[in-house]
Protein backbone atom coordinates (compact mmCIF):
# COMPACT_ATOMS: atom_id res chain seq x y z
CA MET A 1 -27.03 -11.93 -22.05
CA GLU A 2 -28.46 -14.57 -24.46
CA GLY A 3 -25.90 -13.46 -27.06
CA GLU A 4 -26.67 -9.74 -26.69
CA ARG A 5 -24.19 -7.22 -25.25
CA ILE A 6 -26.01 -4.95 -22.79
CA ALA A 7 -24.59 -1.77 -21.23
CA LEU A 8 -24.43 -2.49 -17.51
CA LEU A 9 -24.24 1.08 -16.21
CA PRO A 10 -27.80 2.25 -17.09
CA VAL A 11 -29.21 -0.98 -15.67
CA LEU A 12 -27.46 -0.56 -12.32
CA ILE A 13 -28.37 3.11 -12.08
CA ALA A 14 -32.00 2.30 -12.75
CA ALA A 15 -31.90 -0.17 -9.86
CA ILE A 16 -30.19 2.31 -7.53
CA SER A 17 -32.74 5.00 -8.34
CA ARG A 18 -35.47 2.78 -6.83
CA LEU A 19 -33.88 3.03 -3.36
CA LYS A 20 -36.02 4.87 -0.84
CA PRO A 21 -34.56 7.13 1.88
CA ASP A 22 -32.56 5.08 4.42
CA GLN A 23 -33.22 1.89 2.43
CA PRO A 24 -30.12 -0.37 2.42
CA LEU A 25 -28.68 -1.63 -0.85
CA ASP A 26 -29.27 -5.26 0.10
CA SER A 27 -33.03 -4.68 0.03
CA LEU A 28 -32.86 -4.69 -3.79
CA ALA A 29 -31.99 -8.40 -3.79
CA LYS A 30 -34.81 -10.92 -4.27
CA THR A 31 -33.81 -14.52 -3.66
CA GLY A 32 -30.22 -13.61 -4.45
CA MET A 33 -31.02 -11.83 -7.71
CA LEU A 34 -31.24 -8.20 -8.80
CA TYR A 35 -34.18 -7.50 -11.10
CA SER A 36 -33.72 -4.22 -12.93
CA PRO A 37 -35.82 -2.66 -15.71
CA MET A 38 -34.15 -1.95 -19.05
CA PRO A 39 -34.89 1.04 -21.31
CA ASP A 40 -36.77 -1.19 -23.80
CA GLY A 41 -39.20 -2.44 -21.14
CA ARG A 42 -37.58 -5.78 -20.46
CA THR A 43 -36.34 -6.76 -16.99
CA LEU A 44 -32.78 -7.98 -16.51
CA ALA A 45 -31.98 -10.52 -13.81
CA LEU A 46 -28.42 -10.44 -12.39
CA PRO A 47 -26.77 -12.37 -9.53
CA PHE A 48 -26.84 -9.72 -6.78
CA GLU A 49 -23.45 -10.61 -5.28
CA ARG A 50 -21.79 -10.17 -8.70
CA VAL A 51 -22.86 -6.51 -8.88
CA ARG A 52 -23.32 -5.56 -5.22
CA ALA A 53 -19.81 -4.14 -4.77
CA LEU A 54 -20.03 -2.10 -7.96
CA MET A 55 -23.42 -0.69 -6.97
CA GLY A 56 -22.01 0.17 -3.56
CA VAL A 57 -19.22 2.20 -5.16
CA LEU A 58 -21.72 4.03 -7.39
CA VAL A 59 -23.85 4.90 -4.36
CA GLU A 60 -20.74 5.98 -2.47
CA LEU A 61 -19.68 8.29 -5.29
CA PHE A 62 -23.01 9.72 -6.38
CA GLY A 63 -25.81 8.70 -4.04
CA ASP A 64 -29.02 7.56 -5.71
CA ARG A 65 -28.82 10.09 -8.57
CA PRO A 66 -25.58 9.52 -10.51
CA PRO A 67 -24.92 12.27 -13.12
CA VAL A 68 -25.45 10.21 -16.28
CA ASN A 69 -24.85 11.57 -19.76
CA GLY A 70 -26.16 8.87 -22.08
CA ARG A 71 -24.17 5.80 -21.09
CA VAL A 72 -21.39 7.81 -19.41
CA ILE A 73 -21.07 9.03 -15.83
CA ASP A 74 -19.59 12.48 -15.39
CA LEU A 75 -16.80 11.95 -12.89
CA SER A 76 -15.01 14.88 -11.27
CA LEU A 77 -11.30 14.74 -10.52
CA ALA A 78 -12.15 14.90 -6.84
CA SER A 79 -14.00 11.58 -7.20
CA ALA A 80 -11.20 9.98 -9.21
CA MET A 81 -10.21 7.60 -6.45
CA GLY A 82 -13.56 5.90 -7.03
CA LEU A 83 -12.11 4.55 -10.28
CA ASP A 84 -9.83 2.23 -8.38
CA ALA A 85 -12.75 1.20 -6.18
CA ILE A 86 -14.75 0.29 -9.31
CA ALA A 87 -11.77 -1.61 -10.68
CA GLU A 88 -11.53 -3.59 -7.46
CA ALA A 89 -15.25 -4.29 -7.47
CA THR A 90 -15.34 -5.55 -11.06
CA ARG A 91 -11.82 -6.94 -11.45
CA LEU A 92 -11.84 -5.33 -14.88
CA ARG A 93 -8.96 -3.77 -16.77
CA TRP A 94 -9.29 -0.08 -17.54
CA VAL A 95 -8.63 1.27 -20.99
CA GLY A 96 -7.62 4.89 -21.60
CA SER A 97 -7.53 7.89 -19.26
CA GLN A 98 -4.17 6.81 -17.82
CA ARG A 99 -3.58 10.21 -16.19
CA LEU A 100 -6.83 9.86 -14.30
CA ARG A 101 -5.95 6.33 -13.22
CA ASP A 102 -2.50 7.41 -12.08
CA LEU A 103 -4.06 10.22 -10.07
CA ALA A 104 -6.54 7.80 -8.51
CA THR A 105 -3.71 5.49 -7.50
CA ARG A 106 -1.80 8.35 -5.90
CA LEU A 107 -4.89 9.55 -4.06
CA ARG A 108 -5.30 6.13 -2.49
CA ALA A 109 -1.61 5.68 -1.68
CA GLU A 110 -0.39 5.77 1.89
CA GLY A 111 1.78 8.75 2.79
CA ILE A 112 0.35 11.04 0.12
CA GLY A 113 2.37 14.21 -0.17
CA ALA A 114 5.42 12.68 1.46
CA GLU A 115 7.49 13.41 -1.64
CA ASP A 116 10.37 15.67 -0.77
CA ARG A 117 9.52 19.12 -2.07
CA PRO A 118 12.20 21.75 -1.60
CA VAL A 119 11.34 24.22 1.14
CA PRO A 120 11.71 27.80 -0.15
CA ALA A 121 15.17 29.25 0.45
CA GLY A 122 13.65 32.34 2.08
CA PHE A 123 11.76 30.31 4.69
CA THR A 124 13.59 30.81 7.97
CA ALA A 125 12.07 27.96 10.03
CA THR A 126 13.31 24.37 9.92
CA LEU A 127 10.35 22.14 9.18
CA ARG A 128 10.15 18.93 11.18
CA ASP A 129 9.60 15.68 9.30
CA TYR A 130 5.83 15.66 9.80
CA GLN A 131 5.66 19.33 8.81
CA ARG A 132 7.57 18.60 5.59
CA ILE A 133 4.98 15.92 4.81
CA GLY A 134 2.20 18.45 5.39
CA PHE A 135 4.01 20.98 3.19
CA GLY A 136 4.38 18.39 0.39
CA TRP A 137 0.76 17.30 0.78
CA MET A 138 -0.49 20.86 0.30
CA GLY A 139 1.69 21.25 -2.79
CA PHE A 140 0.41 18.00 -4.30
CA LEU A 141 -3.23 18.97 -3.79
CA ASP A 142 -2.55 22.40 -5.25
CA ASP A 143 -0.92 20.86 -8.33
CA GLN A 144 -4.04 18.76 -8.94
CA GLY A 145 -6.51 21.57 -8.27
CA PHE A 146 -7.82 20.05 -5.04
CA GLY A 147 -8.44 21.52 -1.60
CA GLY A 148 -7.70 19.92 1.74
CA VAL A 149 -8.07 20.07 5.51
CA LEU A 150 -4.86 20.17 7.55
CA ALA A 151 -6.27 18.90 10.83
CA ASP A 152 -3.15 18.50 12.97
CA ASP A 153 -3.54 18.74 16.72
CA MET A 154 -3.35 22.16 18.30
CA GLY A 155 0.24 23.35 18.59
CA LEU A 156 1.79 21.25 15.81
CA GLY A 157 2.49 24.19 13.52
CA LYS A 158 -0.35 24.35 11.00
CA THR A 159 0.36 28.05 10.42
CA VAL A 160 4.04 27.38 9.75
CA GLN A 161 3.24 24.66 7.20
CA ALA A 162 0.74 26.92 5.44
CA LEU A 163 3.20 29.82 5.30
CA ALA A 164 5.85 27.55 3.77
CA HIS A 165 3.34 26.52 1.11
CA ILE A 166 2.32 30.12 0.35
CA LEU A 167 5.96 31.18 0.03
CA ALA A 168 6.65 28.21 -2.27
CA GLU A 169 3.77 29.31 -4.48
CA LYS A 170 5.24 32.80 -4.68
CA ASP A 171 8.73 31.50 -5.48
CA SER A 172 7.34 29.24 -8.22
CA GLY A 173 6.15 32.27 -10.16
CA ARG A 174 2.59 30.92 -10.35
CA MET A 175 1.16 33.47 -7.94
CA GLN A 176 -0.49 36.17 -10.03
CA ALA A 177 -2.80 37.28 -7.23
CA PRO A 178 -2.59 37.34 -3.42
CA PHE A 179 -3.37 34.52 -1.03
CA LEU A 180 -6.25 35.32 1.34
CA VAL A 181 -6.19 34.05 4.92
CA VAL A 182 -9.39 34.24 6.97
CA CYS A 183 -8.96 33.69 10.70
CA PRO A 184 -10.52 34.57 14.07
CA THR A 185 -9.76 38.10 15.20
CA SER A 186 -7.49 36.79 17.96
CA LEU A 187 -5.16 35.17 15.38
CA VAL A 188 -4.60 38.17 13.10
CA ALA A 189 -1.48 39.18 15.03
CA THR A 190 -0.23 35.58 14.99
CA TRP A 191 -0.37 35.46 11.18
CA ARG A 192 1.28 38.87 10.92
CA ASP A 193 4.07 37.99 13.32
CA GLU A 194 4.75 34.47 12.05
CA ALA A 195 4.79 35.63 8.43
CA ALA A 196 7.33 38.32 9.36
CA ARG A 197 9.38 35.80 11.32
CA PHE A 198 9.33 32.77 9.02
CA ALA A 199 8.53 34.16 5.56
CA PRO A 200 9.88 37.72 5.51
CA ASP A 201 9.80 37.77 1.69
CA LEU A 202 5.99 37.73 1.77
CA ARG A 203 4.39 41.16 1.50
CA VAL A 204 1.52 41.06 3.99
CA LEU A 205 -1.56 43.27 4.23
CA ILE A 206 -3.77 43.11 7.33
CA LEU A 207 -7.36 43.75 6.22
CA HIS A 208 -8.77 44.63 9.61
CA GLY A 209 -9.84 47.64 11.61
CA THR A 210 -11.66 50.82 10.67
CA GLY A 211 -8.90 51.99 8.33
CA ARG A 212 -8.76 48.79 6.28
CA ALA A 213 -8.50 48.79 2.48
CA ARG A 214 -11.72 49.38 0.56
CA ASP A 215 -10.78 48.57 -3.05
CA ALA A 216 -8.94 45.89 -5.02
CA ALA A 217 -6.16 48.30 -6.01
CA SER A 218 -4.99 48.20 -2.39
CA PHE A 219 -3.85 44.60 -2.96
CA ASP A 220 -1.45 45.42 -5.80
CA GLY A 221 1.99 44.00 -5.01
CA VAL A 222 0.68 42.14 -1.93
CA ASP A 223 1.32 38.40 -1.48
CA LEU A 224 -0.80 37.66 1.58
CA VAL A 225 -3.99 39.35 2.79
CA VAL A 226 -5.23 38.53 6.29
CA THR A 227 -8.81 39.22 7.35
CA THR A 228 -11.33 37.86 9.87
CA TYR A 229 -14.58 35.89 9.76
CA PRO A 230 -16.76 38.74 11.09
CA LEU A 231 -15.47 40.97 8.28
CA LEU A 232 -16.40 38.54 5.48
CA PRO A 233 -20.04 39.70 5.27
CA ARG A 234 -19.08 43.37 5.68
CA ASP A 235 -16.41 43.25 2.96
CA SER A 236 -18.11 40.65 0.78
CA ALA A 237 -18.37 42.86 -2.31
CA LEU A 238 -14.64 43.57 -2.28
CA LEU A 239 -13.48 40.05 -1.35
CA GLU A 240 -15.75 38.34 -3.88
CA SER A 241 -14.50 40.60 -6.67
CA ILE A 242 -10.93 39.27 -6.43
CA ASP A 243 -9.63 36.15 -8.17
CA TRP A 244 -7.45 34.99 -5.27
CA HIS A 245 -4.54 32.65 -5.92
CA GLY A 246 -5.68 30.72 -2.87
CA VAL A 247 -7.89 31.03 0.22
CA THR A 248 -6.94 29.55 3.58
CA LEU A 249 -9.42 29.35 6.44
CA ASP A 250 -7.70 29.14 9.84
CA GLU A 251 -9.72 27.62 12.70
CA ALA A 252 -11.99 26.54 9.87
CA GLN A 253 -14.56 25.06 12.22
CA ALA A 254 -15.87 28.63 12.16
CA ILE A 255 -17.76 27.71 8.97
CA LYS A 256 -19.33 24.57 10.44
CA ASN A 257 -22.77 26.20 10.13
CA PRO A 258 -23.55 26.30 6.38
CA THR A 259 -26.31 28.88 6.89
CA ALA A 260 -24.07 31.42 8.63
CA ARG A 261 -23.45 34.56 6.59
CA TRP A 262 -19.68 34.32 6.71
CA THR A 263 -19.83 30.65 5.64
CA GLN A 264 -21.83 31.62 2.58
CA VAL A 265 -19.40 34.41 1.69
CA ALA A 266 -16.43 32.07 2.15
CA CYS A 267 -17.98 29.57 -0.26
CA ARG A 268 -18.49 32.29 -2.89
CA LEU A 269 -14.85 33.43 -2.83
CA LYS A 270 -13.01 32.79 -6.09
CA ALA A 271 -9.72 30.95 -5.61
CA GLY A 272 -7.50 28.50 -7.43
CA HIS A 273 -6.66 26.64 -4.24
CA ARG A 274 -8.53 26.24 -0.98
CA LEU A 275 -7.19 25.07 2.34
CA CYS A 276 -8.73 24.62 5.79
CA LEU A 277 -6.69 24.60 9.00
CA THR A 278 -8.39 23.18 12.08
CA GLY A 279 -7.60 20.85 14.93
CA THR A 280 -11.30 20.03 15.23
CA PRO A 281 -12.82 19.35 11.78
CA VAL A 282 -15.80 17.71 13.50
CA GLU A 283 -16.90 18.99 16.91
CA ASN A 284 -20.52 17.86 17.15
CA HIS A 285 -21.71 16.04 14.03
CA LEU A 286 -20.66 15.00 10.53
CA GLY A 287 -22.57 17.89 9.00
CA GLU A 288 -19.69 20.11 10.08
CA ALA A 289 -17.29 18.13 7.89
CA TRP A 290 -19.76 18.47 5.01
CA SER A 291 -19.69 22.25 5.47
CA LEU A 292 -15.88 22.33 5.28
CA PHE A 293 -15.85 20.32 2.06
CA ALA A 294 -18.69 22.38 0.59
CA PHE A 295 -16.17 25.23 0.79
CA LEU A 296 -13.17 23.17 -0.35
CA MET A 297 -14.60 21.03 -3.16
CA PRO A 298 -18.34 21.48 -3.73
CA GLY A 299 -19.91 18.22 -4.85
CA LEU A 300 -17.37 15.85 -3.30
CA LEU A 301 -19.90 14.87 -0.62
CA GLY A 302 -23.02 15.71 -2.62
CA ASP A 303 -25.59 18.16 -1.37
CA ALA A 304 -26.48 18.37 2.31
CA LYS A 305 -29.65 16.29 1.90
CA SER A 306 -27.97 13.38 0.13
CA PHE A 307 -25.00 13.50 2.53
CA THR A 308 -27.38 13.18 5.47
CA LYS A 309 -29.12 10.26 3.82
CA LEU A 310 -25.98 8.42 2.74
CA PHE A 311 -23.65 9.12 5.65
CA ARG A 312 -24.94 11.11 8.63
CA THR A 313 -28.04 9.07 9.34
CA PRO A 314 -26.46 5.62 8.86
CA ILE A 315 -23.33 6.51 10.84
CA GLU A 316 -24.72 8.69 13.62
CA LYS A 317 -28.01 6.91 14.21
CA ARG A 318 -27.27 3.32 13.22
CA GLY A 319 -23.53 3.06 13.79
CA ASP A 320 -23.07 1.77 10.24
CA ALA A 321 -19.41 0.70 10.07
CA GLU A 322 -19.49 0.25 6.30
CA ARG A 323 -20.74 3.78 5.71
CA ARG A 324 -18.11 5.11 8.12
CA LEU A 325 -15.40 3.29 6.16
CA LEU A 326 -16.73 4.62 2.86
CA LEU A 327 -16.76 8.20 4.15
CA SER A 328 -13.28 7.83 5.58
CA ARG A 329 -11.98 6.50 2.29
CA ARG A 330 -13.63 9.33 0.37
CA LEU A 331 -12.03 12.00 2.56
CA LYS A 332 -8.68 10.38 3.26
CA PRO A 333 -6.68 12.04 0.45
CA PHE A 334 -8.02 15.47 1.35
CA LEU A 335 -7.75 15.38 5.15
CA LEU A 336 -4.37 15.18 6.87
CA ARG A 337 -4.32 14.78 10.64
CA ARG A 338 -1.43 14.10 12.99
CA THR A 339 -1.84 13.94 16.76
CA LYS A 340 0.72 15.03 19.32
CA ALA A 341 1.18 11.40 20.33
CA GLU A 342 2.12 10.44 16.76
CA VAL A 343 4.83 13.06 16.36
CA ALA A 344 5.99 13.37 19.97
CA ALA A 345 9.50 12.16 19.12
CA GLU A 346 9.93 15.10 16.76
CA LEU A 347 8.57 17.79 19.05
CA PRO A 348 10.74 20.05 21.14
CA PRO A 349 10.37 19.50 24.90
CA LYS A 350 8.38 22.72 25.15
CA THR A 351 6.34 24.65 22.59
CA GLU A 352 5.26 28.17 23.48
CA MET A 353 2.40 29.99 21.78
CA VAL A 354 0.70 33.36 22.27
CA ARG A 355 -3.06 33.58 22.02
CA TRP A 356 -4.07 37.17 21.26
CA ILE A 357 -7.26 38.55 22.79
CA ASP A 358 -9.05 41.64 21.48
CA LEU A 359 -10.69 43.83 24.11
CA ALA A 360 -13.99 45.31 22.99
CA GLY A 361 -16.94 47.34 24.20
CA GLY A 362 -17.01 48.32 27.85
CA GLN A 363 -13.78 46.54 28.68
CA ARG A 364 -11.91 48.45 26.00
CA ASP A 365 -13.46 51.74 27.21
CA LEU A 366 -12.45 50.95 30.79
CA TYR A 367 -8.89 50.19 29.74
CA GLU A 368 -8.58 53.42 27.76
CA THR A 369 -10.06 55.49 30.61
CA LEU A 370 -7.60 53.96 33.06
CA ARG A 371 -4.71 54.36 30.64
CA LEU A 372 -5.33 58.07 30.24
CA ALA A 373 -5.62 58.61 34.00
CA MET A 374 -2.60 56.47 34.86
CA ASP A 375 -0.48 58.02 32.13
CA ARG A 376 -1.12 61.47 33.60
CA LYS A 377 -0.48 60.22 37.13
CA VAL A 378 2.85 58.64 36.19
CA ARG A 379 3.99 61.64 34.17
CA ASP A 380 3.24 63.94 37.14
CA ALA A 381 5.17 61.65 39.50
CA VAL A 382 8.17 61.48 37.20
CA ALA A 383 8.10 65.25 36.73
CA SER A 384 8.01 65.93 40.48
CA LYS A 385 10.21 63.12 41.86
CA GLY A 386 12.22 61.87 38.93
CA LEU A 387 12.08 58.48 37.23
CA SER A 388 14.17 56.59 39.77
CA ARG A 389 11.85 57.45 42.68
CA SER A 390 8.54 56.86 40.86
CA ALA A 391 8.52 53.06 41.01
CA ILE A 392 5.44 52.84 43.28
CA GLU A 393 3.31 55.02 41.00
CA ILE A 394 4.48 53.14 37.90
CA LEU A 395 3.81 49.70 39.40
CA ASP A 396 0.37 50.76 40.67
CA ALA A 397 -0.59 52.15 37.27
CA LEU A 398 0.56 49.03 35.44
CA LEU A 399 -1.23 46.81 37.96
CA LYS A 400 -4.57 48.50 37.27
CA LEU A 401 -4.10 48.24 33.50
CA ARG A 402 -3.21 44.54 33.79
CA GLN A 403 -6.30 43.93 35.93
CA ALA A 404 -8.46 45.65 33.31
CA CYS A 405 -7.02 43.26 30.70
CA CYS A 406 -7.84 40.22 32.84
CA ASP A 407 -11.34 41.12 33.99
CA PRO A 408 -12.93 44.52 34.70
CA ARG A 409 -14.24 43.18 38.02
CA LEU A 410 -10.67 43.11 39.35
CA VAL A 411 -10.37 46.89 39.06
CA LYS A 412 -11.44 48.59 42.26
CA LEU A 413 -12.48 52.19 41.65
CA LYS A 414 -14.39 54.60 43.86
CA ASN A 415 -17.13 55.11 41.28
CA SER A 416 -17.19 51.66 39.69
CA PRO A 417 -20.45 50.78 37.88
CA LYS A 418 -22.56 48.09 39.53
CA ALA A 419 -22.43 45.88 36.42
CA ALA A 420 -18.84 45.48 35.23
CA PRO A 421 -18.22 44.95 31.50
CA ALA A 422 -17.64 41.42 30.23
CA SER A 423 -14.12 40.04 30.05
CA ALA A 424 -12.94 39.07 26.55
CA LYS A 425 -10.09 37.07 28.04
CA LEU A 426 -12.36 35.07 30.34
CA ASP A 427 -14.75 34.44 27.44
CA PHE A 428 -11.84 33.14 25.34
CA LEU A 429 -10.62 30.92 28.17
CA MET A 430 -14.04 29.34 28.56
CA GLU A 431 -14.14 28.52 24.84
CA PHE A 432 -10.56 27.25 24.90
CA LEU A 433 -10.59 25.09 28.05
CA PRO A 434 -13.47 22.71 27.21
CA ALA A 435 -11.84 21.84 23.88
CA LEU A 436 -8.53 21.08 25.62
CA VAL A 437 -10.23 18.94 28.26
CA GLU A 438 -12.16 17.04 25.59
CA GLU A 439 -8.85 16.28 23.85
CA GLY A 440 -7.63 14.68 27.07
CA ARG A 441 -5.16 17.44 27.92
CA ARG A 442 -3.93 17.86 31.51
CA ILE A 443 -3.75 21.56 32.24
CA LEU A 444 -2.02 23.93 34.66
CA LEU A 445 -3.64 27.37 34.70
CA PHE A 446 -1.54 30.13 36.31
CA SER A 447 -2.60 33.64 37.30
CA GLN A 448 -0.84 36.18 39.43
CA PHE A 449 -4.21 37.24 40.82
CA THR A 450 -5.93 34.82 43.20
CA SER A 451 -9.01 37.02 42.77
CA MET A 452 -8.93 36.11 39.04
CA LEU A 453 -8.92 32.42 39.91
CA ASP A 454 -11.97 33.10 42.09
CA LEU A 455 -13.74 34.55 39.04
CA ILE A 456 -12.77 31.58 36.87
CA LYS A 457 -14.07 28.93 39.28
CA PRO A 458 -17.81 29.65 38.88
CA GLU A 459 -17.39 29.52 35.09
CA LEU A 460 -15.78 26.08 35.38
CA ALA A 461 -18.73 24.90 37.45
CA LYS A 462 -21.13 26.02 34.71
CA VAL A 463 -19.45 23.82 32.10
CA GLY A 464 -18.74 20.94 34.46
CA ILE A 465 -14.93 20.96 34.41
CA PRO A 466 -13.54 19.58 37.70
CA PHE A 467 -10.40 21.17 39.12
CA VAL A 468 -8.11 21.51 42.11
CA GLU A 469 -6.55 24.72 43.37
CA LEU A 470 -3.35 25.93 44.97
CA THR A 471 -2.93 29.48 46.29
CA GLY A 472 -1.13 31.16 49.15
CA GLN A 473 -4.11 30.29 51.37
CA THR A 474 -3.87 26.54 50.67
CA THR A 475 -2.64 24.75 53.81
CA ASP A 476 -2.70 21.20 52.41
CA ARG A 477 -0.64 21.32 49.21
CA GLU A 478 -0.19 17.55 48.99
CA THR A 479 -3.83 16.57 48.40
CA PRO A 480 -4.52 18.69 45.29
CA VAL A 481 -1.17 17.63 43.81
CA LYS A 482 -2.00 13.94 44.31
CA GLN A 483 -5.47 14.41 42.82
CA PHE A 484 -4.05 16.04 39.72
CA GLN A 485 -1.13 13.65 39.30
CA SER A 486 -3.43 10.62 39.65
CA GLY A 487 -5.71 11.87 36.85
CA ALA A 488 -8.70 12.52 39.10
CA VAL A 489 -9.09 16.04 37.65
CA PRO A 490 -7.90 17.55 34.35
CA LEU A 491 -7.27 21.11 35.57
CA PHE A 492 -5.07 22.65 38.26
CA LEU A 493 -5.62 26.33 39.13
CA ILE A 494 -2.45 27.82 40.61
CA SER A 495 -1.53 31.29 41.75
CA LEU A 496 1.84 32.21 40.33
CA LYS A 497 3.39 33.05 43.67
CA ALA A 498 2.23 29.88 45.41
CA GLY A 499 2.95 27.46 42.58
CA GLY A 500 6.05 28.93 41.02
CA VAL A 501 8.41 26.65 42.92
CA GLY A 502 8.39 23.43 44.90
CA LEU A 503 5.93 21.45 42.76
CA THR A 504 6.37 18.50 40.43
CA LEU A 505 3.37 18.12 38.13
CA THR A 506 4.58 15.87 35.33
CA ALA A 507 1.03 14.66 34.65
CA ALA A 508 0.45 18.01 32.91
CA ASP A 509 1.05 18.46 29.20
CA THR A 510 -0.44 21.95 28.89
CA VAL A 511 0.34 25.21 30.71
CA ILE A 512 -1.80 28.34 30.39
CA HIS A 513 -0.59 31.71 31.67
CA TYR A 514 -3.81 33.68 32.00
CA ASP A 515 -1.99 36.90 32.67
CA PRO A 516 1.68 37.42 31.80
CA TRP A 517 4.16 37.95 34.58
CA TRP A 518 6.68 40.57 33.62
CA ASN A 519 9.70 38.76 35.03
CA PRO A 520 10.32 35.97 32.48
CA ALA A 521 12.32 33.95 34.99
CA VAL A 522 9.31 33.69 37.33
CA GLU A 523 7.04 32.69 34.45
CA ASP A 524 9.55 30.06 33.33
CA GLN A 525 9.73 28.64 36.85
CA ALA A 526 5.98 28.20 36.84
CA THR A 527 6.05 26.47 33.45
CA ASP A 528 8.79 24.17 34.73
CA ARG A 529 6.33 22.60 37.19
CA ALA A 530 5.34 20.47 34.18
CA HIS A 531 8.42 20.78 31.98
CA ARG A 532 10.99 18.93 34.09
CA ILE A 533 12.78 15.63 34.49
CA GLY A 534 10.24 12.83 34.56
CA GLN A 535 8.01 14.43 31.94
CA ASP A 536 7.53 12.02 29.02
CA LYS A 537 5.14 14.18 26.99
CA PRO A 538 5.73 17.37 25.03
CA VAL A 539 4.57 20.40 26.97
CA PHE A 540 2.51 23.13 25.30
CA VAL A 541 2.56 26.58 26.86
CA TYR A 542 -0.10 29.17 26.00
CA LYS A 543 0.13 32.83 26.96
CA LEU A 544 -3.11 34.81 26.81
CA ILE A 545 -2.24 38.38 25.82
CA ALA A 546 -4.65 41.28 25.33
CA GLY A 547 -3.58 42.74 21.99
CA GLY A 548 -2.68 46.43 21.81
CA THR A 549 -2.52 46.79 25.60
CA VAL A 550 0.20 47.07 28.20
CA GLU A 551 0.47 43.27 28.06
CA GLU A 552 1.61 43.35 24.44
CA ARG A 553 3.87 46.35 25.08
CA MET A 554 5.58 44.56 27.93
CA LEU A 555 6.22 41.44 25.85
CA ASP A 556 7.89 43.65 23.29
CA LEU A 557 9.86 45.38 26.02
CA GLN A 558 10.93 41.99 27.39
CA SER A 559 12.31 40.91 24.06
CA ARG A 560 14.28 44.13 23.66
CA LYS A 561 15.29 44.79 27.21
CA ARG A 562 14.95 41.62 29.25
CA ALA A 563 17.02 43.04 32.08
CA VAL A 564 14.79 46.12 32.14
CA ALA A 565 11.66 44.04 32.66
CA GLU A 566 13.27 41.97 35.39
CA ALA A 567 14.44 45.07 37.22
CA LEU A 568 11.11 46.81 36.88
CA PHE A 569 9.00 43.99 38.30
CA ASN A 570 11.30 42.53 40.89
CA PRO A 571 9.83 43.81 44.17
CA ASP A 572 12.99 42.78 46.01
CA GLY A 573 15.27 44.58 43.59
CA LYS A 574 17.46 47.39 44.77
CA GLY A 575 18.60 50.54 43.08
CA ALA A 576 17.11 52.66 40.36
CA LEU A 577 14.76 51.34 37.71
CA ALA A 578 16.85 50.68 34.61
CA PHE A 579 14.56 52.04 31.94
CA SER A 580 13.95 55.29 30.17
CA GLU A 581 11.06 57.70 29.82
CA GLU A 582 10.68 56.39 26.25
CA ASP A 583 9.98 52.94 27.71
CA ILE A 584 7.33 54.45 30.00
CA ALA A 585 5.72 56.16 27.02
CA ALA A 586 5.63 52.84 25.15
CA LEU A 587 3.89 51.07 28.04
CA PHE A 588 1.12 53.67 28.17
CA GLN A 589 0.45 53.95 24.43
CA PRO A 590 -3.24 53.99 23.39
CA MET A 591 -4.79 50.88 21.90
CA ALA A 592 -4.68 50.73 18.11
């Protein structure tokens, strides 16, 4: 200016610092010019449109208080993609820091992580194309020291992709400490089972229950430690003392409240790599996304106050499309989401998943009381009549235990308390269903017990989910089917016996078995109401299983002795029950 070279950065930052809360950048322009004070007291006049884009990038990266050190901005690697944005805004050529520029270019590239990384030889699952991309994406972020949110739709295999990544880290020789996975209590068994199934080389420790490890020495030689959100505050001293190789939060929306105790513990954990798995990174407001990234990469979105000022308020209250685009661009490299519709061609026709439910409190006590009584009753019957003639006693005992798993109100006892304990399974269902409906899923909900459907219906009314119903008492089957198939309602309640055959419900893409039916063929017939010719969408099947109970024992028995289970629970079957006293003992084992 007038023959004098002036450093532009301090001038622009001085102008930005004059912005008041919620004041748009354009308000700094006066008759098309930007007037900004200089350190020596003079005022510099610049054509606003020449510097507007550059100022916008600075605000996007740092808000109204950029971290200036003399004439230099301290730029974190996580904000490196802003370098390309500055280059675009100024049309200037960059000198030096080529590694940083290359990283910025890769962060902005489409298909980040799509490079073909070798899946570990010991990984027993075959990753689908989109899962290989997710696996490569996690590896790329890990290489650069970044965290990320894998936000694939429910049922697309986030756990499998994460396990492949953890095993790859072990095989690389870089893992000098365990990976920590934090998940809801209901998913502990899922992580245990899928690790054993798909990554058997991983040595897994479940940090849960009263007998869990209490010191760091317990983790020696362990590759993967699995714990739960409620245990984070209780075990904070132990967990915060470990330098974890990585921390993965499953169903990471659990830390959407930054003031929650387990959120604060999660953010204090020491880890070289951080990963969030969630199908719903934002459920209610953008502050939830801020909380996830406060765990993943503190500072990427600024503090909560500046994030609200720069993004939440403009986007949520004013519908600011420019701010929305800026936020999306900031998060794009670190948030990978694929919907079922996007990857439908790669999905199998049917994907089955178990959702584990933990019984607690009065429901657990009721189950254990019944188990003890029924175990004695069955043993006495077998002792007096023999195993082959004790089918009625066995079936009656198992029926009562299954009812206790579904809802204590189903159990009819002579001295039942007036107020039955709460049902953990019903509570889970009423958290699960609204999320599915909000996603646009079309759901078939099966139960063997029509009385259980009667207990579910009032809960649906409370949350405003419309439904139709089909049971043995339904005389007009055609009307509810037409209502569901036409899209008038998102949910179809069906008793297993009434809806197991004779229905075509191809509008459904989701099947929930509230209580497992012990004959797999009958359960499969029910699922096939949706999974049949004419279905053009992948079908997701969820089985709600009370962990540690007769429901889990019977699933295990099914896998080992399928014919045994079919014989046991086929009321029309003839001949002796084809199972042993050892099988009976397994069914009536106490809860862990």
